[in-house]
């Protein structure tokens, strides 16, 4: 779940940040506030709002059916798909902020020099812009992954009892079966898993980053 949310935030957040950086300054502030909107609302209120939209008779299913894209409502509530959608909406601002801070440090003349030497837009992005954005993408990915792995309210309210993740399992062990030793053990394993993934991904990206500029 956390990996899927992280990949979606990278795919959506990086182009979104680049588009935002190329907007006129008078529009950047308004759109930046819109992007940060999910962080300005209580997690419970935000999740309950999404539960209404993801319901069988909710806005998303009704819109898809009215457009003729589906014949019957999709099971978005109480499913992993719904949890990933909501977490992506919640975590996307963290990715945008991380990439934005890195993007502001780039010299636009470097990309212009690549264009003047005959490089196309895709080649310039892949070989000039993207390698310089890797630190921001790495930072955003680490933030998104750790927050998604430790999220509780969204999986509990959107996933319900049909979606079991580590955080809801810990909650059940502590307050459901009152098995505190097992709950503590699972909590420690979650912490070790998150730290291992973060350290491993950090070293891998740093090695790739050095290869690009070597």
N, C-alpha and C. Protein backbone atom coordinates (compact mmCIF):
# COMPACT_ATOMS: atom_id res chain seq x y z
N UNK A 1 0.82 -1.20 0.00
CA UNK A 1 0.00 0.00 0.00
C UNK A 1 0.87 1.27 0.00
N UNK A 2 1.87 1.29 0.89
CA UNK A 2 2.73 2.47 0.98
C UNK A 2 3.54 2.66 -0.30
N UNK A 3 4.01 1.57 -0.88
CA UNK A 3 4.78 1.67 -2.12
C UNK A 3 3.91 2.18 -3.25
N UNK A 4 2.67 1.69 -3.34
CA UNK A 4 1.77 2.17 -4.38
C UNK A 4 1.45 3.65 -4.24
N UNK A 5 1.21 4.09 -3.01
CA UNK A 5 0.94 5.51 -2.78
C UNK A 5 2.16 6.35 -3.14
N UNK A 6 3.35 5.87 -2.80
CA UNK A 6 4.57 6.61 -3.11
C UNK A 6 4.78 6.74 -4.61
N UNK A 7 4.58 5.65 -5.34
CA UNK A 7 4.75 5.70 -6.80
C UNK A 7 3.73 6.64 -7.44
N UNK A 8 2.49 6.61 -6.98
CA UNK A 8 1.48 7.51 -7.53
C UNK A 8 1.82 8.96 -7.22
N UNK A 9 2.33 9.22 -6.03
CA UNK A 9 2.70 10.60 -5.69
C UNK A 9 3.86 11.09 -6.54
N UNK A 10 4.81 10.21 -6.88
CA UNK A 10 5.91 10.60 -7.75
C UNK A 10 5.39 10.89 -9.15
N UNK A 11 4.56 9.98 -9.68
CA UNK A 11 4.04 10.14 -11.04
C UNK A 11 3.18 11.40 -11.17
N UNK A 12 2.39 11.70 -10.16
CA UNK A 12 1.51 12.87 -10.21
C UNK A 12 2.19 14.14 -9.70
N UNK A 13 3.02 14.00 -8.68
CA UNK A 13 3.57 15.18 -8.04
C UNK A 13 4.66 15.88 -8.82
N UNK A 14 5.55 15.11 -9.48
CA UNK A 14 6.66 15.74 -10.22
C UNK A 14 6.14 16.58 -11.39
N UNK A 15 5.28 16.04 -12.29
CA UNK A 15 4.76 16.91 -13.35
C UNK A 15 3.94 18.08 -12.82
N UNK A 16 3.20 17.84 -11.75
CA UNK A 16 2.39 18.92 -11.17
C UNK A 16 3.27 20.05 -10.66
N UNK A 17 4.39 19.71 -10.03
CA UNK A 17 5.29 20.73 -9.52
C UNK A 17 5.96 21.49 -10.66
N UNK A 18 6.34 20.79 -11.72
CA UNK A 18 6.97 21.46 -12.86
C UNK A 18 5.99 22.42 -13.52
N UNK A 19 4.74 21.99 -13.68
CA UNK A 19 3.73 22.88 -14.26
C UNK A 19 3.52 24.09 -13.37
N UNK A 20 3.48 23.86 -12.05
CA UNK A 20 3.28 24.96 -11.11
C UNK A 20 4.43 25.97 -11.19
N UNK A 21 5.66 25.47 -11.36
CA UNK A 21 6.81 26.37 -11.40
C UNK A 21 6.82 27.23 -12.66
N UNK A 22 6.15 26.79 -13.71
CA UNK A 22 6.13 27.52 -14.97
C UNK A 22 4.93 28.43 -15.11
N UNK A 23 4.09 28.47 -14.09
CA UNK A 23 2.94 29.38 -14.11
C UNK A 23 3.40 30.81 -13.82
N UNK A 24 2.62 31.79 -14.24
CA UNK A 24 2.92 33.17 -13.86
C UNK A 24 2.88 33.32 -12.34
N UNK A 25 3.73 34.16 -11.78
CA UNK A 25 3.79 34.30 -10.31
C UNK A 25 2.46 34.65 -9.66
N UNK A 26 1.59 35.38 -10.36
CA UNK A 26 0.33 35.78 -9.74
C UNK A 26 -0.62 34.61 -9.56
N UNK A 27 -0.39 33.51 -10.29
CA UNK A 27 -1.24 32.32 -10.16
C UNK A 27 -0.62 31.26 -9.24
N UNK A 28 0.69 31.32 -9.04
CA UNK A 28 1.35 30.27 -8.28
C UNK A 28 0.83 30.18 -6.85
N UNK A 29 0.62 31.33 -6.22
CA UNK A 29 0.17 31.31 -4.83
C UNK A 29 -1.18 30.64 -4.66
N UNK A 30 -2.13 30.97 -5.55
CA UNK A 30 -3.46 30.39 -5.45
C UNK A 30 -3.44 28.89 -5.68
N UNK A 31 -2.69 28.45 -6.70
CA UNK A 31 -2.64 27.01 -6.98
C UNK A 31 -1.86 26.27 -5.91
N UNK A 32 -0.86 26.90 -5.32
CA UNK A 32 -0.11 26.26 -4.25
C UNK A 32 -1.00 26.03 -3.03
N UNK A 33 -1.86 26.98 -2.73
CA UNK A 33 -2.80 26.81 -1.62
C UNK A 33 -3.78 25.68 -1.92
N UNK A 34 -4.22 25.58 -3.19
CA UNK A 34 -5.11 24.48 -3.56
C UNK A 34 -4.44 23.13 -3.37
N UNK A 35 -3.14 23.05 -3.73
CA UNK A 35 -2.42 21.79 -3.57
C UNK A 35 -2.28 21.43 -2.10
N UNK A 36 -2.05 22.43 -1.27
CA UNK A 36 -1.89 22.20 0.17
C UNK A 36 -3.22 22.04 0.89
N UNK A 37 -4.33 22.12 0.17
CA UNK A 37 -5.65 22.03 0.78
C UNK A 37 -5.87 20.82 1.66
N UNK A 38 -5.45 19.61 1.25
CA UNK A 38 -5.68 18.44 2.11
C UNK A 38 -5.03 18.55 3.48
N UNK A 39 -3.94 19.32 3.58
CA UNK A 39 -3.27 19.45 4.87
C UNK A 39 -3.96 20.45 5.79
N UNK A 40 -4.89 21.23 5.26
CA UNK A 40 -5.57 22.25 6.04
C UNK A 40 -6.87 21.75 6.66
N UNK A 41 -7.22 20.49 6.37
CA UNK A 41 -8.48 19.92 6.86
C UNK A 41 -8.17 18.78 7.82
N UNK A 42 -8.97 18.63 8.83
CA UNK A 42 -8.79 17.54 9.79
C UNK A 42 -8.82 16.19 9.08
N UNK A 43 -7.98 15.28 9.53
CA UNK A 43 -7.89 13.97 8.88
C UNK A 43 -9.21 13.22 8.94
N UNK A 44 -9.95 13.37 10.04
CA UNK A 44 -11.23 12.67 10.17
C UNK A 44 -12.26 13.26 9.22
N UNK A 45 -12.35 14.60 9.18
CA UNK A 45 -13.30 15.26 8.28
C UNK A 45 -12.98 14.94 6.83
N UNK A 46 -11.70 14.99 6.49
CA UNK A 46 -11.27 14.69 5.12
C UNK A 46 -11.60 13.25 4.73
N UNK A 47 -11.36 12.32 5.63
CA UNK A 47 -11.62 10.91 5.33
C UNK A 47 -13.11 10.64 5.22
N UNK A 48 -13.92 11.25 6.08
CA UNK A 48 -15.37 11.07 5.98
C UNK A 48 -15.91 11.67 4.68
N UNK A 49 -15.34 12.79 4.25
CA UNK A 49 -15.74 13.35 2.97
C UNK A 49 -15.43 12.42 1.81
N UNK A 50 -14.25 11.79 1.85
CA UNK A 50 -13.91 10.83 0.81
C UNK A 50 -14.81 9.59 0.86
N UNK A 51 -15.22 9.18 2.06
CA UNK A 51 -16.10 8.01 2.16
C UNK A 51 -17.43 8.26 1.47
N UNK A 52 -17.90 9.51 1.49
CA UNK A 52 -19.13 9.85 0.77
C UNK A 52 -18.92 9.80 -0.73
N UNK A 53 -17.77 10.28 -1.18
CA UNK A 53 -17.48 10.29 -2.62
C UNK A 53 -17.23 8.90 -3.17
N UNK A 54 -16.65 8.01 -2.35
CA UNK A 54 -16.30 6.66 -2.82
C UNK A 54 -17.43 5.65 -2.65
N UNK A 55 -18.52 6.04 -2.04
CA UNK A 55 -19.62 5.09 -1.81
C UNK A 55 -20.22 4.62 -3.13
N UNK A 56 -21.02 3.56 -3.06
CA UNK A 56 -21.63 3.01 -4.28
C UNK A 56 -22.52 4.03 -4.97
N UNK A 57 -23.15 4.87 -4.20
CA UNK A 57 -23.98 5.94 -4.77
C UNK A 57 -23.28 7.30 -4.68
N UNK A 58 -21.97 7.27 -4.52
CA UNK A 58 -21.23 8.50 -4.35
C UNK A 58 -20.95 9.21 -5.67
N UNK A 59 -20.27 10.33 -5.54
CA UNK A 59 -20.02 11.19 -6.71
C UNK A 59 -19.18 10.49 -7.78
N UNK A 60 -18.17 9.75 -7.38
CA UNK A 60 -17.27 9.12 -8.35
C UNK A 60 -18.01 8.06 -9.16
N UNK A 61 -18.70 7.16 -8.49
CA UNK A 61 -19.43 6.11 -9.21
C UNK A 61 -20.55 6.69 -10.07
N UNK A 62 -21.26 7.67 -9.55
CA UNK A 62 -22.33 8.26 -10.33
C UNK A 62 -21.79 8.97 -11.56
N UNK A 63 -20.64 9.64 -11.44
CA UNK A 63 -20.06 10.33 -12.58
C UNK A 63 -19.59 9.33 -13.63
N UNK A 64 -18.94 8.26 -13.20
CA UNK A 64 -18.46 7.25 -14.15
C UNK A 64 -19.62 6.56 -14.85
N UNK A 65 -20.70 6.30 -14.13
CA UNK A 65 -21.85 5.65 -14.74
C UNK A 65 -22.57 6.59 -15.70
N UNK A 66 -22.66 7.87 -15.36
CA UNK A 66 -23.32 8.82 -16.25
C UNK A 66 -22.53 9.02 -17.54
N UNK A 67 -21.22 8.86 -17.47
CA UNK A 67 -20.38 8.97 -18.67
C UNK A 67 -20.33 7.68 -19.47
N UNK A 68 -20.92 6.63 -18.95
CA UNK A 68 -20.95 5.36 -19.65
C UNK A 68 -19.66 4.57 -19.56
N UNK A 69 -18.79 4.92 -18.63
CA UNK A 69 -17.51 4.22 -18.50
C UNK A 69 -17.65 2.92 -17.72
N UNK A 70 -18.64 2.83 -16.87
CA UNK A 70 -18.88 1.60 -16.11
C UNK A 70 -20.37 1.30 -16.14
N UNK A 71 -20.71 0.01 -15.95
CA UNK A 71 -22.11 -0.42 -15.95
C UNK A 71 -22.69 -0.52 -14.55
N UNK A 72 -21.82 -0.77 -13.57
CA UNK A 72 -22.27 -0.88 -12.19
C UNK A 72 -21.25 -0.21 -11.29
N UNK A 73 -21.65 0.19 -10.10
CA UNK A 73 -20.73 0.91 -9.20
C UNK A 73 -19.50 0.09 -8.87
N UNK A 74 -18.36 0.75 -8.80
CA UNK A 74 -17.11 0.10 -8.42
C UNK A 74 -17.02 -0.03 -6.90
N UNK A 75 -16.47 -1.13 -6.41
CA UNK A 75 -16.32 -1.30 -4.95
C UNK A 75 -15.12 -0.52 -4.43
N UNK A 76 -15.27 0.78 -4.33
CA UNK A 76 -14.18 1.63 -3.88
C UNK A 76 -14.09 1.71 -2.36
N UNK A 77 -15.24 1.73 -1.71
CA UNK A 77 -15.23 1.73 -0.25
C UNK A 77 -14.91 0.33 0.27
N UNK A 78 -14.24 0.29 1.42
CA UNK A 78 -13.84 -0.95 2.06
C UNK A 78 -13.00 -1.82 1.13
N UNK A 79 -12.09 -1.17 0.44
CA UNK A 79 -11.16 -1.87 -0.46
C UNK A 79 -9.82 -1.18 -0.41
N UNK A 80 -8.78 -1.90 -0.82
CA UNK A 80 -7.44 -1.32 -0.86
C UNK A 80 -7.35 -0.21 -1.90
N UNK A 81 -8.13 -0.33 -2.98
CA UNK A 81 -8.12 0.71 -4.01
C UNK A 81 -8.55 2.06 -3.44
N UNK A 82 -9.62 2.06 -2.67
CA UNK A 82 -10.08 3.30 -2.06
C UNK A 82 -9.08 3.87 -1.08
N UNK A 83 -8.43 3.00 -0.31
CA UNK A 83 -7.44 3.47 0.65
C UNK A 83 -6.27 4.13 -0.07
N UNK A 84 -5.81 3.53 -1.17
CA UNK A 84 -4.69 4.09 -1.93
C UNK A 84 -5.08 5.44 -2.54
N UNK A 85 -6.31 5.55 -3.05
CA UNK A 85 -6.76 6.81 -3.65
C UNK A 85 -6.75 7.93 -2.61
N UNK A 86 -7.30 7.66 -1.44
CA UNK A 86 -7.40 8.69 -0.41
C UNK A 86 -6.01 9.06 0.12
N UNK A 87 -5.16 8.06 0.35
CA UNK A 87 -3.83 8.36 0.86
C UNK A 87 -3.00 9.13 -0.17
N UNK A 88 -3.20 8.83 -1.45
CA UNK A 88 -2.49 9.59 -2.49
C UNK A 88 -2.89 11.06 -2.46
N UNK A 89 -4.18 11.32 -2.29
CA UNK A 89 -4.66 12.70 -2.20
C UNK A 89 -4.09 13.40 -0.98
N UNK A 90 -3.94 12.67 0.12
CA UNK A 90 -3.44 13.27 1.36
C UNK A 90 -1.93 13.51 1.28
N UNK A 91 -1.18 12.55 0.69
CA UNK A 91 0.28 12.61 0.70
C UNK A 91 0.87 13.42 -0.45
N UNK A 92 0.08 13.70 -1.47
CA UNK A 92 0.60 14.41 -2.64
C UNK A 92 1.23 15.77 -2.28
N UNK A 93 0.65 16.56 -1.37
CA UNK A 93 1.30 17.84 -1.04
C UNK A 93 2.72 17.70 -0.51
N UNK A 94 3.00 16.62 0.24
CA UNK A 94 4.36 16.43 0.75
C UNK A 94 5.35 16.22 -0.40
N UNK A 95 4.94 15.49 -1.41
CA UNK A 95 5.80 15.29 -2.58
C UNK A 95 6.00 16.60 -3.33
N UNK A 96 4.93 17.36 -3.49
CA UNK A 96 5.03 18.64 -4.21
C UNK A 96 5.96 19.60 -3.48
N UNK A 97 5.85 19.68 -2.16
CA UNK A 97 6.69 20.59 -1.39
C UNK A 97 8.16 20.18 -1.51
N UNK A 98 8.46 18.88 -1.43
CA UNK A 98 9.85 18.42 -1.51
C UNK A 98 10.45 18.70 -2.88
N UNK A 99 9.69 18.41 -3.95
CA UNK A 99 10.20 18.65 -5.29
C UNK A 99 10.28 20.13 -5.58
N UNK A 100 9.33 20.90 -5.06
CA UNK A 100 9.32 22.35 -5.28
C UNK A 100 10.58 23.00 -4.70
N UNK A 101 10.97 22.59 -3.49
CA UNK A 101 12.15 23.17 -2.87
C UNK A 101 13.41 22.88 -3.67
N UNK A 102 13.49 21.70 -4.28
CA UNK A 102 14.63 21.37 -5.12
C UNK A 102 14.57 22.10 -6.45
N UNK A 103 13.38 22.22 -7.00
CA UNK A 103 13.22 22.86 -8.30
C UNK A 103 13.59 24.33 -8.25
N UNK A 104 13.38 24.98 -7.10
CA UNK A 104 13.70 26.39 -6.99
C UNK A 104 15.20 26.65 -7.02
N UNK A 105 16.00 25.62 -6.76
CA UNK A 105 17.45 25.78 -6.75
C UNK A 105 18.08 25.54 -8.13
N UNK A 106 17.30 25.08 -9.09
CA UNK A 106 17.84 24.76 -10.41
C UNK A 106 18.05 26.03 -11.22
N UNK A 107 19.07 26.00 -12.05
CA UNK A 107 19.35 27.11 -12.95
C UNK A 107 18.65 26.84 -14.28
N UNK A 108 17.66 27.64 -14.67
CA UNK A 108 16.95 27.39 -15.93
C UNK A 108 17.84 27.51 -17.16
N UNK A 109 18.99 28.18 -17.02
CA UNK A 109 19.87 28.35 -18.16
C UNK A 109 20.50 27.02 -18.58
N UNK A 110 20.57 26.04 -17.66
CA UNK A 110 21.12 24.74 -18.01
C UNK A 110 20.23 24.04 -19.02
N UNK A 111 18.91 24.09 -18.79
CA UNK A 111 17.98 23.49 -19.74
C UNK A 111 18.00 24.25 -21.06
N UNK A 112 18.10 25.57 -21.00
CA UNK A 112 18.18 26.35 -22.24
C UNK A 112 19.43 26.01 -23.04
N UNK A 113 20.53 25.74 -22.35
CA UNK A 113 21.76 25.35 -23.04
C UNK A 113 21.58 24.02 -23.74
N UNK A 114 20.84 23.09 -23.10
CA UNK A 114 20.59 21.80 -23.74
C UNK A 114 19.73 21.97 -24.99
N UNK A 115 18.72 22.85 -24.91
CA UNK A 115 17.90 23.12 -26.09
C UNK A 115 18.73 23.71 -27.22
N UNK A 116 19.63 24.62 -26.88
CA UNK A 116 20.45 25.26 -27.91
C UNK A 116 21.41 24.30 -28.58
N UNK A 117 21.75 23.20 -27.88
CA UNK A 117 22.65 22.20 -28.46
C UNK A 117 21.90 21.12 -29.22
N UNK A 118 20.59 21.26 -29.35
CA UNK A 118 19.81 20.35 -30.17
C UNK A 118 19.05 19.28 -29.43
N UNK A 119 19.06 19.31 -28.11
CA UNK A 119 18.33 18.30 -27.34
C UNK A 119 16.84 18.61 -27.36
N UNK A 120 16.02 17.55 -27.45
CA UNK A 120 14.58 17.72 -27.41
C UNK A 120 14.08 17.90 -25.99
N UNK A 121 12.77 18.12 -25.87
CA UNK A 121 12.18 18.35 -24.55
C UNK A 121 12.30 17.12 -23.66
N UNK A 122 12.01 15.94 -24.24
CA UNK A 122 12.08 14.71 -23.44
C UNK A 122 13.51 14.41 -23.02
N UNK A 123 14.46 14.56 -23.94
CA UNK A 123 15.86 14.30 -23.61
C UNK A 123 16.37 15.27 -22.56
N UNK A 124 15.99 16.52 -22.68
CA UNK A 124 16.40 17.52 -21.69
C UNK A 124 15.85 17.20 -20.31
N UNK A 125 14.58 16.78 -20.28
CA UNK A 125 13.99 16.44 -18.98
C UNK A 125 14.65 15.21 -18.39
N UNK A 126 14.90 14.19 -19.22
CA UNK A 126 15.45 12.92 -18.72
C UNK A 126 16.89 13.04 -18.29
N UNK A 127 17.70 13.80 -19.00
CA UNK A 127 19.13 13.83 -18.75
C UNK A 127 19.60 15.09 -18.01
N UNK A 128 18.80 16.13 -17.98
CA UNK A 128 19.22 17.37 -17.33
C UNK A 128 18.37 17.67 -16.10
N UNK A 129 17.05 17.72 -16.28
CA UNK A 129 16.17 18.17 -15.19
C UNK A 129 15.95 17.06 -14.16
N UNK A 130 15.58 15.86 -14.64
CA UNK A 130 15.24 14.78 -13.71
C UNK A 130 16.38 14.41 -12.77
N UNK A 131 17.64 14.26 -13.25
CA UNK A 131 18.71 13.95 -12.29
C UNK A 131 18.88 14.99 -11.21
N UNK A 132 18.64 16.26 -11.52
CA UNK A 132 18.77 17.31 -10.52
C UNK A 132 17.59 17.32 -9.54
N UNK A 133 16.46 16.72 -9.96
CA UNK A 133 15.29 16.64 -9.08
C UNK A 133 15.32 15.42 -8.17
N UNK A 134 16.27 14.51 -8.39
CA UNK A 134 16.30 13.28 -7.61
C UNK A 134 16.38 13.50 -6.10
N UNK A 135 17.16 14.46 -5.60
CA UNK A 135 17.15 14.67 -4.14
C UNK A 135 15.77 15.03 -3.60
N UNK A 136 15.04 15.89 -4.32
CA UNK A 136 13.70 16.24 -3.88
C UNK A 136 12.73 15.08 -3.98
N UNK A 137 12.85 14.30 -5.07
CA UNK A 137 11.98 13.12 -5.21
C UNK A 137 12.27 12.12 -4.12
N UNK A 138 13.55 11.93 -3.79
CA UNK A 138 13.92 11.00 -2.72
C UNK A 138 13.35 11.47 -1.38
N UNK A 139 13.51 12.76 -1.07
CA UNK A 139 12.99 13.27 0.19
C UNK A 139 11.47 13.13 0.27
N UNK A 140 10.79 13.49 -0.82
CA UNK A 140 9.34 13.35 -0.84
C UNK A 140 8.89 11.91 -0.73
N UNK A 141 9.62 10.99 -1.38
CA UNK A 141 9.25 9.57 -1.33
C UNK A 141 9.40 9.01 0.07
N UNK A 142 10.47 9.42 0.76
CA UNK A 142 10.67 8.94 2.12
C UNK A 142 9.55 9.44 3.04
N UNK A 143 9.19 10.71 2.90
CA UNK A 143 8.12 11.27 3.73
C UNK A 143 6.80 10.57 3.44
N UNK A 144 6.47 10.42 2.15
CA UNK A 144 5.21 9.79 1.77
C UNK A 144 5.16 8.34 2.23
N UNK A 145 6.25 7.61 2.04
CA UNK A 145 6.26 6.20 2.40
C UNK A 145 6.09 6.01 3.90
N UNK A 146 6.83 6.77 4.69
CA UNK A 146 6.74 6.59 6.14
C UNK A 146 5.37 7.00 6.69
N UNK A 147 4.82 8.10 6.17
CA UNK A 147 3.50 8.52 6.64
C UNK A 147 2.41 7.55 6.19
N UNK A 148 2.54 6.99 4.99
CA UNK A 148 1.55 6.02 4.52
C UNK A 148 1.62 4.72 5.30
N UNK A 149 2.84 4.27 5.60
CA UNK A 149 3.00 3.02 6.34
C UNK A 149 2.47 3.13 7.76
N UNK A 150 2.51 4.33 8.32
CA UNK A 150 2.05 4.52 9.70
C UNK A 150 0.65 5.12 9.78
N UNK A 151 -0.02 5.28 8.64
CA UNK A 151 -1.37 5.86 8.64
C UNK A 151 -2.36 4.90 9.29
N UNK A 152 -3.27 5.46 10.07
CA UNK A 152 -4.28 4.63 10.74
C UNK A 152 -5.70 5.04 10.40
N UNK A 153 -5.99 6.35 10.47
CA UNK A 153 -7.38 6.80 10.29
C UNK A 153 -7.92 6.44 8.92
N UNK A 154 -7.15 6.68 7.88
CA UNK A 154 -7.64 6.41 6.52
C UNK A 154 -7.87 4.93 6.28
N UNK A 155 -6.91 4.03 6.56
CA UNK A 155 -7.22 2.60 6.38
C UNK A 155 -8.36 2.11 7.24
N UNK A 156 -8.50 2.68 8.46
CA UNK A 156 -9.56 2.21 9.35
C UNK A 156 -10.93 2.65 8.85
N UNK A 157 -11.06 3.90 8.38
CA UNK A 157 -12.37 4.42 7.97
C UNK A 157 -12.72 4.04 6.54
N UNK A 158 -11.75 4.09 5.63
CA UNK A 158 -12.02 3.77 4.23
C UNK A 158 -11.96 2.26 3.99
N UNK A 159 -10.95 1.61 4.56
CA UNK A 159 -10.81 0.17 4.37
C UNK A 159 -11.76 -0.66 5.21
N UNK A 160 -12.10 -0.16 6.39
CA UNK A 160 -12.99 -0.92 7.26
C UNK A 160 -12.34 -2.20 7.74
N UNK A 161 -13.18 -3.16 8.06
CA UNK A 161 -12.67 -4.45 8.53
C UNK A 161 -12.18 -5.32 7.39
N UNK A 162 -12.50 -4.94 6.15
CA UNK A 162 -12.09 -5.77 5.01
C UNK A 162 -10.66 -5.56 4.59
N UNK A 163 -10.05 -4.47 5.02
CA UNK A 163 -8.66 -4.18 4.66
C UNK A 163 -7.85 -4.16 5.94
N UNK A 164 -6.93 -5.08 6.04
CA UNK A 164 -6.11 -5.20 7.23
C UNK A 164 -4.69 -4.74 6.90
N UNK A 165 -4.26 -3.68 7.57
CA UNK A 165 -2.89 -3.21 7.44
C UNK A 165 -2.23 -3.30 8.81
N UNK A 166 -0.94 -2.98 8.86
CA UNK A 166 -0.20 -3.18 10.10
C UNK A 166 -0.73 -2.30 11.22
N UNK A 167 -1.03 -1.04 10.89
CA UNK A 167 -1.48 -0.13 11.95
C UNK A 167 -2.82 -0.56 12.55
N UNK A 168 -3.75 -1.01 11.70
CA UNK A 168 -5.03 -1.47 12.24
C UNK A 168 -4.86 -2.77 13.00
N UNK A 169 -3.89 -3.60 12.58
CA UNK A 169 -3.62 -4.83 13.34
C UNK A 169 -3.08 -4.51 14.72
N UNK A 170 -2.21 -3.51 14.79
CA UNK A 170 -1.68 -3.10 16.10
C UNK A 170 -2.81 -2.60 17.00
N UNK A 171 -3.72 -1.81 16.42
CA UNK A 171 -4.86 -1.30 17.18
C UNK A 171 -5.71 -2.45 17.72
N UNK A 172 -5.96 -3.44 16.87
CA UNK A 172 -6.78 -4.58 17.29
C UNK A 172 -6.10 -5.37 18.40
N UNK A 173 -4.78 -5.53 18.31
CA UNK A 173 -4.08 -6.29 19.34
C UNK A 173 -4.07 -5.56 20.68
N UNK A 174 -3.96 -4.23 20.64
CA UNK A 174 -3.92 -3.48 21.89
C UNK A 174 -5.30 -3.33 22.52
N UNK A 175 -6.31 -2.99 21.71
CA UNK A 175 -7.62 -2.65 22.26
C UNK A 175 -8.69 -3.70 21.97
N UNK A 176 -8.43 -4.61 21.01
CA UNK A 176 -9.41 -5.64 20.69
C UNK A 176 -9.20 -6.89 21.52
N UNK A 177 -8.09 -7.56 21.27
CA UNK A 177 -7.78 -8.81 21.99
C UNK A 177 -6.99 -8.57 23.27
N UNK A 178 -6.56 -7.32 23.50
CA UNK A 178 -5.78 -6.96 24.70
C UNK A 178 -4.47 -7.74 24.76
N UNK A 179 -3.95 -8.10 23.61
CA UNK A 179 -2.66 -8.81 23.56
C UNK A 179 -1.56 -7.77 23.36
N UNK A 180 -1.19 -7.11 24.43
CA UNK A 180 -0.23 -6.01 24.34
C UNK A 180 1.16 -6.48 23.90
N UNK A 181 1.67 -7.62 24.35
CA UNK A 181 3.00 -8.05 23.87
C UNK A 181 3.05 -8.23 22.35
N UNK A 182 2.02 -8.83 21.78
CA UNK A 182 2.01 -9.01 20.33
C UNK A 182 1.88 -7.67 19.62
N UNK A 183 1.04 -6.79 20.16
CA UNK A 183 0.91 -5.46 19.56
C UNK A 183 2.21 -4.69 19.59
N UNK A 184 2.93 -4.79 20.71
CA UNK A 184 4.23 -4.11 20.80
C UNK A 184 5.23 -4.71 19.83
N UNK A 185 5.21 -6.05 19.68
CA UNK A 185 6.13 -6.71 18.75
C UNK A 185 5.86 -6.28 17.32
N UNK A 186 4.59 -6.21 16.94
CA UNK A 186 4.25 -5.78 15.58
C UNK A 186 4.65 -4.33 15.36
N UNK A 187 4.50 -3.49 16.40
CA UNK A 187 4.91 -2.09 16.29
C UNK A 187 6.40 -1.97 16.03
N UNK A 188 7.19 -2.77 16.75
CA UNK A 188 8.64 -2.74 16.55
C UNK A 188 9.00 -3.24 15.14
N UNK A 189 8.32 -4.27 14.68
CA UNK A 189 8.58 -4.76 13.33
C UNK A 189 8.23 -3.72 12.27
N UNK A 190 7.15 -2.99 12.51
CA UNK A 190 6.79 -1.91 11.57
C UNK A 190 7.87 -0.85 11.55
N UNK A 191 8.38 -0.48 12.72
CA UNK A 191 9.44 0.52 12.79
C UNK A 191 10.70 0.03 12.08
N UNK A 192 11.08 -1.22 12.32
CA UNK A 192 12.28 -1.77 11.67
C UNK A 192 12.10 -1.82 10.15
N UNK A 193 10.90 -2.21 9.71
CA UNK A 193 10.65 -2.28 8.27
C UNK A 193 10.74 -0.92 7.61
N UNK A 194 10.16 0.10 8.24
CA UNK A 194 10.20 1.45 7.67
C UNK A 194 11.62 1.98 7.61
N UNK A 195 12.37 1.80 8.70
CA UNK A 195 13.75 2.28 8.73
C UNK A 195 14.60 1.56 7.69
N UNK A 196 14.38 0.25 7.53
CA UNK A 196 15.16 -0.51 6.56
C UNK A 196 14.89 -0.05 5.13
N UNK A 197 13.61 0.17 4.82
CA UNK A 197 13.26 0.62 3.48
C UNK A 197 13.82 2.01 3.21
N UNK A 198 13.73 2.90 4.20
CA UNK A 198 14.22 4.27 4.01
C UNK A 198 15.73 4.27 3.81
N UNK A 199 16.47 3.54 4.63
CA UNK A 199 17.93 3.52 4.50
C UNK A 199 18.34 2.86 3.18
N UNK A 200 17.68 1.75 2.83
CA UNK A 200 18.02 1.07 1.59
C UNK A 200 17.75 1.91 0.36
N UNK A 201 16.59 2.56 0.32
CA UNK A 201 16.26 3.41 -0.82
C UNK A 201 17.18 4.62 -0.88
N UNK A 202 17.53 5.17 0.27
CA UNK A 202 18.42 6.33 0.30
C UNK A 202 19.79 5.98 -0.28
N UNK A 203 20.34 4.84 0.11
CA UNK A 203 21.64 4.44 -0.42
C UNK A 203 21.57 4.11 -1.91
N UNK A 204 20.48 3.49 -2.33
CA UNK A 204 20.34 3.15 -3.75
C UNK A 204 20.26 4.40 -4.61
N UNK A 205 19.45 5.36 -4.19
CA UNK A 205 19.31 6.60 -4.97
C UNK A 205 20.60 7.39 -4.97
N UNK A 206 21.30 7.42 -3.83
CA UNK A 206 22.57 8.14 -3.77
C UNK A 206 23.59 7.52 -4.72
N UNK A 207 23.61 6.18 -4.81
CA UNK A 207 24.53 5.52 -5.73
C UNK A 207 24.18 5.84 -7.18
N UNK A 208 22.89 5.82 -7.50
CA UNK A 208 22.47 6.18 -8.85
C UNK A 208 22.77 7.65 -9.13
N UNK A 209 22.58 8.48 -8.13
CA UNK A 209 22.82 9.91 -8.31
C UNK A 209 24.29 10.18 -8.61
N UNK A 210 25.19 9.46 -7.94
CA UNK A 210 26.61 9.63 -8.20
C UNK A 210 26.98 9.12 -9.58
N UNK A 211 26.33 8.04 -10.03
CA UNK A 211 26.62 7.51 -11.36
C UNK A 211 26.20 8.48 -12.45
N UNK A 212 25.12 9.19 -12.22
CA UNK A 212 24.63 10.12 -13.24
C UNK A 212 25.62 11.25 -13.46
N UNK A 213 26.20 11.78 -12.37
CA UNK A 213 27.07 12.94 -12.45
C UNK A 213 28.55 12.57 -12.46
N UNK A 214 28.87 11.25 -12.49
CA UNK A 214 30.28 10.85 -12.53
C UNK A 214 30.79 10.86 -13.97
